[in-house]
Structure formats: C-alpha cells, structure tokens
Amino acid sequence: MIKKLLFIILIGLAAKQIYQQYNVPVITNADIEALNSTEKLSDFKNYQQYSCDGRQYCSEMHSCEEATYFIKHCPNTKMDGNHDGVPCERQWCN
C-alpha cells in the first residue's frame, strides 16, 4: 500500500515538473513592460532609412536622429564622449 502511494506521488511530481516545463507563456508582463519602456514604434519607422555603414563620428552624421540610430544599433561608434546615451551633444543633439 505504501509503495503504491509513493509511486503515485512520484508520478504526480514528475507530471507537475513536465507540465511546468512546457507551460511557459510566450510573453510575460515583464516583457511587455520592457517593450513599453524602450523606443516607440514611431522611432523604428524613422530608423528604416538608416543602416550601419561604418560611420563612427558626429562629423559624419546629418541629424540627431541619425546619430541616435548609429549609437544604439551600430558597433564602434565614437559619438558619446560622456557615455550618457546622448550622441553628438555639441553638434546635433543639444
């Protein structure tokens, strides 16, 4: 009798483990909050005109929006000397 009870408990625990493993939501509330706190959809629409082409300096940019795109999406940029997330503060983003 005790063996049967232990067997049933073990089966139940295994089933619970499997259920929890595969019953994960695709997107969580934390994911939604993170998406809402980042860039707005309109920012992404404006960014479609830019692409990482090797430019690194403020003197190579044509606007604050372009510099912001490059600093957020392209490697090795040198446009945020004080590391505050705002590029080209003297030239474009003042």
PDB file of N, CA and C in Angstrom:
ATOM      1  N   MET A   1       0.818  -1.190   0.000  1.00  0.00           N
ATOM      2  CA  MET A   1       0.000   0.000   0.000  1.00  0.00           C
ATOM      3  C   MET A   1       0.865   1.258   0.000  1.00  0.00           C
ATOM      4  N   ILE A   2       1.902   1.285   0.844  1.00  0.00           N
ATOM      5  CA  ILE A   2       2.776   2.446   0.925  1.00  0.00           C
ATOM      6  C   ILE A   2       3.568   2.594  -0.374  1.00  0.00           C
ATOM      7  N   LYS A   3       3.968   1.474  -0.968  1.00  0.00           N
ATOM      8  CA  LYS A   3       4.697   1.529  -2.231  1.00  0.00           C
ATOM      9  C   LYS A   3       3.832   2.161  -3.329  1.00  0.00           C
ATOM     10  N   LYS A   4       2.562   1.781  -3.339  1.00  0.00           N
ATOM     11  CA  LYS A   4       1.654   2.340  -4.335  1.00  0.00           C
ATOM     12  C   LYS A   4       1.488   3.845  -4.126  1.00  0.00           C
ATOM     13  N   LEU A   5       1.367   4.259  -2.883  1.00  0.00           N
ATOM     14  CA  LEU A   5       1.213   5.679  -2.568  1.00  0.00           C
ATOM     15  C   LEU A   5       2.458   6.464  -2.975  1.00  0.00           C
ATOM     16  N   LEU A   6       3.643   5.946  -2.658  1.00  0.00           N
ATOM     17  CA  LEU A   6       4.879   6.611  -3.056  1.00  0.00           C
ATOM     18  C   LEU A   6       5.003   6.662  -4.583  1.00  0.00           C
ATOM     19  N   PHE A   7       4.597   5.589  -5.245  1.00  0.00           N
ATOM     20  CA  PHE A   7       4.640   5.544  -6.699  1.00  0.00           C
ATOM     21  C   PHE A   7       3.718   6.614  -7.292  1.00  0.00           C
ATOM     22  N   ILE A   8       2.531   6.754  -6.760  1.00  0.00           N
ATOM     23  CA  ILE A   8       1.576   7.758  -7.236  1.00  0.00           C
ATOM     24  C   ILE A   8       2.111   9.171  -6.984  1.00  0.00           C
ATOM     25  N   ILE A   9       2.712   9.396  -5.832  1.00  0.00           N
ATOM     26  CA  ILE A   9       3.289  10.705  -5.524  1.00  0.00           C
ATOM     27  C   ILE A   9       4.425  11.040  -6.491  1.00  0.00           C
ATOM     28  N   LEU A  10       5.296  10.062  -6.760  1.00  0.00           N
ATOM     29  CA  LEU A  10       6.397  10.280  -7.693  1.00  0.00           C
ATOM     30  C   LEU A  10       5.888  10.574  -9.105  1.00  0.00           C
ATOM     31  N   ILE A  11       4.868   9.839  -9.536  1.00  0.00           N
ATOM     32  CA  ILE A  11       4.272  10.086 -10.849  1.00  0.00           C
ATOM     33  C   ILE A  11       3.678  11.499 -10.887  1.00  0.00           C
ATOM     34  N   GLY A  12       3.003  11.904  -9.835  1.00  0.00           N
ATOM     35  CA  GLY A  12       2.411  13.236  -9.759  1.00  0.00           C
ATOM     36  C   GLY A  12       3.468  14.333  -9.802  1.00  0.00           C
ATOM     37  N   LEU A  13       4.559  14.152  -9.072  1.00  0.00           N
ATOM     38  CA  LEU A  13       5.640  15.140  -9.088  1.00  0.00           C
ATOM     39  C   LEU A  13       6.295  15.227 -10.467  1.00  0.00           C
ATOM     40  N   ALA A  14       6.481  14.072 -11.100  1.00  0.00           N
ATOM     41  CA  ALA A  14       7.061  14.068 -12.447  1.00  0.00           C
ATOM     42  C   ALA A  14       6.126  14.771 -13.430  1.00  0.00           C
ATOM     43  N   ALA A  15       4.845  14.521 -13.328  1.00  0.00           N
ATOM     44  CA  ALA A  15       3.870  15.159 -14.215  1.00  0.00           C
ATOM     45  C   ALA A  15       3.857  16.675 -13.990  1.00  0.00           C
ATOM     46  N   LYS A  16       3.925  17.086 -12.738  1.00  0.00           N
ATOM     47  CA  LYS A  16       3.957  18.508 -12.427  1.00  0.00           C
ATOM     48  C   LYS A  16       5.198  19.162 -13.021  1.00  0.00           C
ATOM     49  N   GLN A  17       6.338  18.493 -12.911  1.00  0.00           N
ATOM     50  CA  GLN A  17       7.594  19.008 -13.463  1.00  0.00           C
ATOM     51  C   GLN A  17       7.490  19.182 -14.977  1.00  0.00           C
ATOM     52  N   ILE A  18       6.958  18.197 -15.653  1.00  0.00           N
ATOM     53  CA  ILE A  18       6.801  18.254 -17.111  1.00  0.00           C
ATOM     54  C   ILE A  18       5.817  19.358 -17.495  1.00  0.00           C
ATOM     55  N   TYR A  19       4.714  19.463 -16.774  1.00  0.00           N
ATOM     56  CA  TYR A  19       3.717  20.493 -17.052  1.00  0.00           C
ATOM     57  C   TYR A  19       4.324  21.890 -16.914  1.00  0.00           C
ATOM     58  N   GLN A  20       5.083  22.107 -15.850  1.00  0.00           N
ATOM     59  CA  GLN A  20       5.696  23.417 -15.637  1.00  0.00           C
ATOM     60  C   GLN A  20       6.747  23.724 -16.693  1.00  0.00           C
ATOM     61  N   GLN A  21       7.436  22.708 -17.157  1.00  0.00           N
ATOM     62  CA  GLN A  21       8.478  22.903 -18.155  1.00  0.00           C
ATOM     63  C   GLN A  21       7.890  23.365 -19.484  1.00  0.00           C
ATOM     64  N   TYR A  22       6.744  22.833 -19.862  1.00  0.00           N
ATOM     65  CA  TYR A  22       6.167  23.140 -21.161  1.00  0.00           C
ATOM     66  C   TYR A  22       5.026  24.147 -21.112  1.00  0.00           C
ATOM     67  N   ASN A  23       4.629  24.577 -19.956  1.00  0.00           N
ATOM     68  CA  ASN A  23       3.549  25.539 -19.828  1.00  0.00           C
ATOM     69  C   ASN A  23       4.108  26.922 -19.504  1.00  0.00           C
ATOM     70  N   VAL A  24       5.010  27.408 -20.341  1.00  0.00           N
ATOM     71  CA  VAL A  24       5.638  28.710 -20.153  1.00  0.00           C
ATOM     72  C   VAL A  24       4.973  29.699 -21.101  1.00  0.00           C
ATOM     73  N   PRO A  25       4.550  30.858 -20.613  1.00  0.00           N
ATOM     74  CA  PRO A  25       3.921  31.826 -21.506  1.00  0.00           C
ATOM     75  C   PRO A  25       4.908  32.320 -22.559  1.00  0.00           C
ATOM     76  N   VAL A  26       4.400  32.643 -23.712  1.00  0.00           N
ATOM     77  CA  VAL A  26       5.237  33.118 -24.805  1.00  0.00           C
ATOM     78  C   VAL A  26       5.800  34.493 -24.483  1.00  0.00           C
ATOM     79  N   ILE A  27       4.981  35.357 -23.890  1.00  0.00           N
ATOM     80  CA  ILE A  27       5.432  36.683 -23.494  1.00  0.00           C
ATOM     81  C   ILE A  27       4.880  36.980 -22.106  1.00  0.00           C
ATOM     82  N   THR A  28       5.716  37.529 -21.256  1.00  0.00           N
ATOM     83  CA  THR A  28       5.311  37.806 -19.878  1.00  0.00           C
ATOM     84  C   THR A  28       5.014  39.292 -19.702  1.00  0.00           C
ATOM     85  N   ASN A  29       4.446  39.634 -18.565  1.00  0.00           N
ATOM     86  CA  ASN A  29       4.187  41.041 -18.260  1.00  0.00           C
ATOM     87  C   ASN A  29       5.484  41.837 -18.203  1.00  0.00           C
ATOM     88  N   ALA A  30       6.544  41.206 -17.711  1.00  0.00           N
ATOM     89  CA  ALA A  30       7.842  41.886 -17.664  1.00  0.00           C
ATOM     90  C   ALA A  30       8.332  42.189 -19.081  1.00  0.00           C
ATOM     91  N   ASP A  31       8.093  41.274 -20.000  1.00  0.00           N
ATOM     92  CA  ASP A  31       8.476  41.512 -21.394  1.00  0.00           C
ATOM     93  C   ASP A  31       7.708  42.701 -21.960  1.00  0.00           C
ATOM     94  N   ILE A  32       6.423  42.770 -21.675  1.00  0.00           N
ATOM     95  CA  ILE A  32       5.594  43.862 -22.180  1.00  0.00           C
ATOM     96  C   ILE A  32       6.061  45.192 -21.597  1.00  0.00           C
ATOM     97  N   GLU A  33       6.365  45.217 -20.310  1.00  0.00           N
ATOM     98  CA  GLU A  33       6.855  46.445 -19.678  1.00  0.00           C
ATOM     99  C   GLU A  33       8.179  46.875 -20.290  1.00  0.00           C
ATOM    100  N   ALA A  34       9.049  45.913 -20.557  1.00  0.00           N
ATOM    101  CA  ALA A  34      10.337  46.236 -21.171  1.00  0.00           C
ATOM    102  C   ALA A  34      10.134  46.820 -22.564  1.00  0.00           C
ATOM    103  N   LEU A  35       9.209  46.266 -23.310  1.00  0.00           N
ATOM    104  CA  LEU A  35       8.926  46.790 -24.648  1.00  0.00           C
ATOM    105  C   LEU A  35       8.356  48.204 -24.576  1.00  0.00           C
ATOM    106  N   ASN A  36       7.483  48.441 -23.612  1.00  0.00           N
ATOM    107  CA  ASN A  36       6.869  49.762 -23.477  1.00  0.00           C
ATOM    108  C   ASN A  36       7.865  50.811 -23.020  1.00  0.00           C
ATOM    109  N   SER A  37       8.888  50.396 -22.283  1.00  0.00           N
ATOM    110  CA  SER A  37       9.836  51.370 -21.765  1.00  0.00           C
ATOM    111  C   SER A  37      10.946  51.682 -22.762  1.00  0.00           C
ATOM    112  N   THR A  38      11.066  50.922 -23.834  1.00  0.00           N
ATOM    113  CA  THR A  38      12.094  51.194 -24.838  1.00  0.00           C
ATOM    114  C   THR A  38      11.540  52.124 -25.900  1.00  0.00           C
ATOM    115  N   GLU A  39      12.154  52.134 -27.029  1.00  0.00           N
ATOM    116  CA  GLU A  39      11.780  53.057 -28.085  1.00  0.00           C
ATOM    117  C   GLU A  39      10.341  52.846 -28.552  1.00  0.00           C
ATOM    118  N   LYS A  40       9.731  53.916 -28.993  1.00  0.00           N
ATOM    119  CA  LYS A  40       8.368  53.864 -29.515  1.00  0.00           C
ATOM    120  C   LYS A  40       8.386  53.328 -30.933  1.00  0.00           C
ATOM    121  N   LEU A  41       7.253  52.815 -31.379  1.00  0.00           N
ATOM    122  CA  LEU A  41       7.142  52.274 -32.727  1.00  0.00           C
ATOM    123  C   LEU A  41       7.461  53.332 -33.770  1.00  0.00           C
ATOM    124  N   SER A  42       7.063  54.576 -33.532  1.00  0.00           N
ATOM    125  CA  SER A  42       7.345  55.638 -34.498  1.00  0.00           C
ATOM    126  C   SER A  42       8.844  55.847 -34.675  1.00  0.00           C
ATOM    127  N   ASP A  43       9.622  55.616 -33.604  1.00  0.00           N
ATOM    128  CA  ASP A  43      11.074  55.737 -33.713  1.00  0.00           C
ATOM    129  C   ASP A  43      11.624  54.690 -34.678  1.00  0.00           C
ATOM    130  N   PHE A  44      11.062  53.477 -34.627  1.00  0.00           N
ATOM    131  CA  PHE A  44      11.534  52.419 -35.516  1.00  0.00           C
ATOM    132  C   PHE A  44      11.181  52.727 -36.962  1.00  0.00           C
ATOM    133  N   LYS A  45      10.029  53.345 -37.204  1.00  0.00           N
ATOM    134  CA  LYS A  45       9.658  53.695 -38.574  1.00  0.00           C
ATOM    135  C   LYS A  45      10.653  54.695 -39.143  1.00  0.00           C
ATOM    136  N   ASN A  46      11.063  55.664 -38.338  1.00  0.00           N
ATOM    137  CA  ASN A  46      12.024  56.657 -38.800  1.00  0.00           C
ATOM    138  C   ASN A  46      13.399  56.041 -39.035  1.00  0.00           C
ATOM    139  N   TYR A  47      13.744  55.009 -38.278  1.00  0.00           N
ATOM    140  CA  TYR A  47      15.053  54.386 -38.377  1.00  0.00           C
ATOM    141  C   TYR A  47      15.214  53.544 -39.641  1.00  0.00           C
ATOM    142  N   GLN A  48      14.133  53.241 -40.339  1.00  0.00           N
ATOM    143  CA  GLN A  48      14.225  52.381 -41.505  1.00  0.00           C
ATOM    144  C   GLN A  48      15.137  52.968 -42.577  1.00  0.00           C
ATOM    145  N   GLN A  49      15.330  54.262 -42.577  1.00  0.00           N
ATOM    146  CA  GLN A  49      16.147  54.890 -43.602  1.00  0.00           C
ATOM    147  C   GLN A  49      17.641  54.801 -43.309  1.00  0.00           C
ATOM    148  N   TYR A  50      18.041  54.334 -42.127  1.00  0.00           N
ATOM    149  CA  TYR A  50      19.438  54.275 -41.746  1.00  0.00           C
ATOM    150  C   TYR A  50      19.940  52.833 -41.763  1.00  0.00           C
ATOM    151  N   SER A  51      21.243  52.690 -41.949  1.00  0.00           N
ATOM    152  CA  SER A  51      21.876  51.379 -41.816  1.00  0.00           C
ATOM    153  C   SER A  51      23.319  51.586 -41.383  1.00  0.00           C
ATOM    154  N   CYS A  52      23.848  50.616 -40.691  1.00  0.00           N
ATOM    155  CA  CYS A  52      25.226  50.690 -40.206  1.00  0.00           C
ATOM    156  C   CYS A  52      26.162  50.563 -41.406  1.00  0.00           C
ATOM    157  N   ASP A  53      26.878  51.626 -41.695  1.00  0.00           N
ATOM    158  CA  ASP A  53      27.738  51.630 -42.873  1.00  0.00           C
ATOM    159  C   ASP A  53      29.180  51.990 -42.536  1.00  0.00           C
ATOM    160  N   GLY A  54      29.517  51.889 -41.254  1.00  0.00           N
ATOM    161  CA  GLY A  54      30.897  52.122 -40.854  1.00  0.00           C
ATOM    162  C   GLY A  54      31.180  53.514 -40.323  1.00  0.00           C
ATOM    163  N   ARG A  55      30.235  54.428 -40.463  1.00  0.00           N
ATOM    164  CA  ARG A  55      30.461  55.770 -39.921  1.00  0.00           C
ATOM    165  C   ARG A  55      30.501  55.703 -38.402  1.00  0.00           C
ATOM    166  N   GLN A  56      31.383  56.502 -37.803  1.00  0.00           N
ATOM    167  CA  GLN A  56      31.568  56.448 -36.349  1.00  0.00           C
ATOM    168  C   GLN A  56      31.499  57.803 -35.669  1.00  0.00           C
ATOM    169  N   TYR A  57      31.692  58.889 -36.403  1.00  0.00           N
ATOM    170  CA  TYR A  57      31.872  60.196 -35.780  1.00  0.00           C
ATOM    171  C   TYR A  57      30.711  61.148 -36.067  1.00  0.00           C
ATOM    172  N   CYS A  58      30.536  62.115 -35.190  1.00  0.00           N
ATOM    173  CA  CYS A  58      29.475  63.119 -35.339  1.00  0.00           C
ATOM    174  C   CYS A  58      29.612  63.898 -36.642  1.00  0.00           C
ATOM    175  N   SER A  59      30.818  64.125 -37.058  1.00  0.00           N
ATOM    176  CA  SER A  59      31.031  64.884 -38.295  1.00  0.00           C
ATOM    177  C   SER A  59      30.512  64.132 -39.527  1.00  0.00           C
ATOM    178  N   GLU A  60      30.266  62.849 -39.374  1.00  0.00           N
ATOM    179  CA  GLU A  60      29.751  62.039 -40.481  1.00  0.00           C
ATOM    180  C   GLU A  60      28.227  61.917 -40.459  1.00  0.00           C
ATOM    181  N   MET A  61      27.584  62.484 -39.443  1.00  0.00           N
ATOM    182  CA  MET A  61      26.130  62.393 -39.294  1.00  0.00           C
ATOM    183  C   MET A  61      25.467  63.622 -39.916  1.00  0.00           C
ATOM    184  N   HIS A  62      24.153  63.497 -40.169  1.00  0.00           N
ATOM    185  CA  HIS A  62      23.398  64.606 -40.744  1.00  0.00           C
ATOM    186  C   HIS A  62      22.268  65.098 -39.841  1.00  0.00           C
ATOM    187  N   SER A  63      22.030  64.392 -38.731  1.00  0.00           N
ATOM    188  CA  SER A  63      20.974  64.804 -37.798  1.00  0.00           C
ATOM    189  C   SER A  63      21.160  64.093 -36.465  1.00  0.00           C
ATOM    190  N   CYS A  64      20.458  64.580 -35.469  1.00  0.00           N
ATOM    191  CA  CYS A  64      20.462  63.931 -34.157  1.00  0.00           C
ATOM    192  C   CYS A  64      19.829  62.545 -34.249  1.00  0.00           C
ATOM    193  N   GLU A  65      18.761  62.433 -35.019  1.00  0.00           N
ATOM    194  CA  GLU A  65      18.079  61.147 -35.178  1.00  0.00           C
ATOM    195  C   GLU A  65      19.019  60.108 -35.785  1.00  0.00           C
ATOM    196  N   GLU A  66      19.782  60.512 -36.770  1.00  0.00           N
ATOM    197  CA  GLU A  66      20.725  59.595 -37.411  1.00  0.00           C
ATOM    198  C   GLU A  66      21.818  59.177 -36.422  1.00  0.00           C
ATOM    199  N   ALA A  67      22.349  60.126 -35.687  1.00  0.00           N
ATOM    200  CA  ALA A  67      23.379  59.820 -34.692  1.00  0.00           C
ATOM    201  C   ALA A  67      22.831  58.889 -33.621  1.00  0.00           C
ATOM    202  N   THR A  68      21.598  59.117 -33.202  1.00  0.00           N
ATOM    203  CA  THR A  68      20.972  58.264 -32.192  1.00  0.00           C
ATOM    204  C   THR A  68      20.815  56.848 -32.716  1.00  0.00           C
ATOM    205  N   TYR A  69      20.402  56.707 -33.962  1.00  0.00           N
ATOM    206  CA  TYR A  69      20.298  55.371 -34.559  1.00  0.00           C
ATOM    207  C   TYR A  69      21.660  54.678 -34.514  1.00  0.00           C
ATOM    208  N   PHE A  70      22.699  55.379 -34.966  1.00  0.00           N
ATOM    209  CA  PHE A  70      24.023  54.767 -35.040  1.00  0.00           C
ATOM    210  C   PHE A  70      24.537  54.350 -33.671  1.00  0.00           C
ATOM    211  N   ILE A  71      24.335  55.196 -32.662  1.00  0.00           N
ATOM    212  CA  ILE A  71      24.863  54.858 -31.337  1.00  0.00           C
ATOM    213  C   ILE A  71      24.125  53.667 -30.715  1.00  0.00           C
ATOM    214  N   LYS A  72      22.839  53.509 -31.065  1.00  0.00           N
ATOM    215  CA  LYS A  72      22.054  52.412 -30.488  1.00  0.00           C
ATOM    216  C   LYS A  72      22.206  51.100 -31.244  1.00  0.00           C
ATOM    217  N   HIS A  73      22.518  51.163 -32.533  1.00  0.00           N
ATOM    218  CA  HIS A  73      22.465  49.953 -33.342  1.00  0.00           C
ATOM    219  C   HIS A  73      23.767  49.544 -34.012  1.00  0.00           C
ATOM    220  N   CYS A  74      24.752  50.399 -34.043  1.00  0.00           N
ATOM    221  CA  CYS A  74      25.969  50.113 -34.801  1.00  0.00           C
ATOM    222  C   CYS A  74      27.179  49.993 -33.869  1.00  0.00           C
ATOM    223  N   PRO A  75      28.116  49.115 -34.204  1.00  0.00           N
ATOM    224  CA  PRO A  75      29.293  48.923 -33.344  1.00  0.00           C
ATOM    225  C   PRO A  75      30.339  50.016 -33.553  1.00  0.00           C
ATOM    226  N   ASN A  76      31.167  50.190 -32.555  1.00  0.00           N
ATOM    227  CA  ASN A  76      32.358  51.048 -32.620  1.00  0.00           C
ATOM    228  C   ASN A  76      32.080  52.517 -32.917  1.00  0.00           C
ATOM    229  N   THR A  77      30.947  53.030 -32.474  1.00  0.00           N
ATOM    230  CA  THR A  77      30.691  54.455 -32.670  1.00  0.00           C
ATOM    231  C   THR A  77      31.464  55.262 -31.631  1.00  0.00           C
ATOM    232  N   LYS A  78      31.803  56.461 -31.997  1.00  0.00           N
ATOM    233  CA  LYS A  78      32.565  57.353 -31.104  1.00  0.00           C
ATOM    234  C   LYS A  78      31.855  58.699 -31.044  1.00  0.00           C
ATOM    235  N   MET A  79      30.586  58.658 -30.609  1.00  0.00           N
ATOM    236  CA  MET A  79      29.766  59.869 -30.627  1.00  0.00           C
ATOM    237  C   MET A  79      29.195  60.233 -29.260  1.00  0.00           C
ATOM    238  N   ASP A  80      29.564  59.515 -28.219  1.00  0.00           N
ATOM    239  CA  ASP A  80      29.026  59.784 -26.886  1.00  0.00           C
ATOM    240  C   ASP A  80      30.177  59.812 -25.893  1.00  0.00           C
ATOM    241  N   GLY A  81      30.914  60.898 -25.917  1.00  0.00           N
ATOM    242  CA  GLY A  81      32.113  61.009 -25.097  1.00  0.00           C
ATOM    243  C   GLY A  81      31.870  60.894 -23.604  1.00  0.00           C
ATOM    244  N   ASN A  82      30.729  61.376 -23.125  1.00  0.00           N
ATOM    245  CA  ASN A  82      30.460  61.312 -21.682  1.00  0.00           C
ATOM    246  C   ASN A  82      29.589  60.110 -21.301  1.00  0.00           C
ATOM    247  N   HIS A  83      29.283  59.252 -22.240  1.00  0.00           N
ATOM    248  CA  HIS A  83      28.563  57.991 -22.011  1.00  0.00           C
ATOM    249  C   HIS A  83      27.210  58.177 -21.326  1.00  0.00           C
ATOM    250  N   ASP A  84      26.493  59.227 -21.711  1.00  0.00           N
ATOM    251  CA  ASP A  84      25.172  59.454 -21.130  1.00  0.00           C
ATOM    252  C   ASP A  84      24.039  58.981 -22.048  1.00  0.00           C
ATOM    253  N   GLY A  85      24.396  58.386 -23.179  1.00  0.00           N
ATOM    254  CA  GLY A  85      23.387  57.874 -24.103  1.00  0.00           C
ATOM    255  C   GLY A  85      22.921  58.884 -25.134  1.00  0.00           C
ATOM    256  N   VAL A  86      23.392  60.114 -25.041  1.00  0.00           N
ATOM    257  CA  VAL A  86      23.013  61.156 -25.995  1.00  0.00           C
ATOM    258  C   VAL A  86      24.225  61.432 -26.884  1.00  0.00           C
ATOM    259  N   PRO A  87      24.138  61.132 -28.174  1.00  0.00           N
ATOM    260  CA  PRO A  87      25.291  61.338 -29.050  1.00  0.00           C
ATOM    261  C   PRO A  87      25.366  62.778 -29.566  1.00  0.00           C
ATOM    262  N   CYS A  88      26.527  63.179 -29.961  1.00  0.00           N
ATOM    263  CA  CYS A  88      26.751  64.450 -30.680  1.00  0.00           C
ATOM    264  C   CYS A  88      26.068  65.642 -30.000  1.00  0.00           C
ATOM    265  N   GLU A  89      26.291  65.787 -28.718  1.00  0.00           N
ATOM    266  CA  GLU A  89      25.600  66.850 -27.963  1.00  0.00           C
ATOM    267  C   GLU A  89      26.027  68.243 -28.397  1.00  0.00           C
ATOM    268  N   ARG A  90      27.226  68.406 -28.835  1.00  0.00           N
ATOM    269  CA  ARG A  90      27.704  69.727 -29.265  1.00  0.00           C
ATOM    270  C   ARG A  90      27.220  70.075 -30.676  1.00  0.00           C
ATOM    271  N   GLN A  91      27.068  69.054 -31.510  1.00  0.00           N
ATOM    272  CA  GLN A  91      26.769  69.316 -32.909  1.00  0.00           C
ATOM    273  C   GLN A  91      25.286  69.134 -33.267  1.00  0.00           C
ATOM    274  N   TRP A  92      24.684  68.015 -32.889  1.00  0.00           N
ATOM    275  CA  TRP A  92      23.324  67.710 -33.341  1.00  0.00           C
ATOM    276  C   TRP A  92      22.294  67.637 -32.218  1.00  0.00           C
ATOM    277  N   CYS A  93      22.604  66.998 -31.144  1.00  0.00           N
ATOM    278  CA  CYS A  93      21.598  66.702 -30.103  1.00  0.00           C
ATOM    279  C   CYS A  93      21.757  67.616 -28.901  1.00  0.00           C
ATOM    280  N   ASN A  94      21.657  68.919 -29.117  1.00  0.00           N
ATOM    281  CA  ASN A  94      21.821  69.848 -27.995  1.00  0.00           C
ATOM    282  C   ASN A  94      20.511  70.437 -27.569  1.00  0.00           C
TER     283      ASN A  94
END
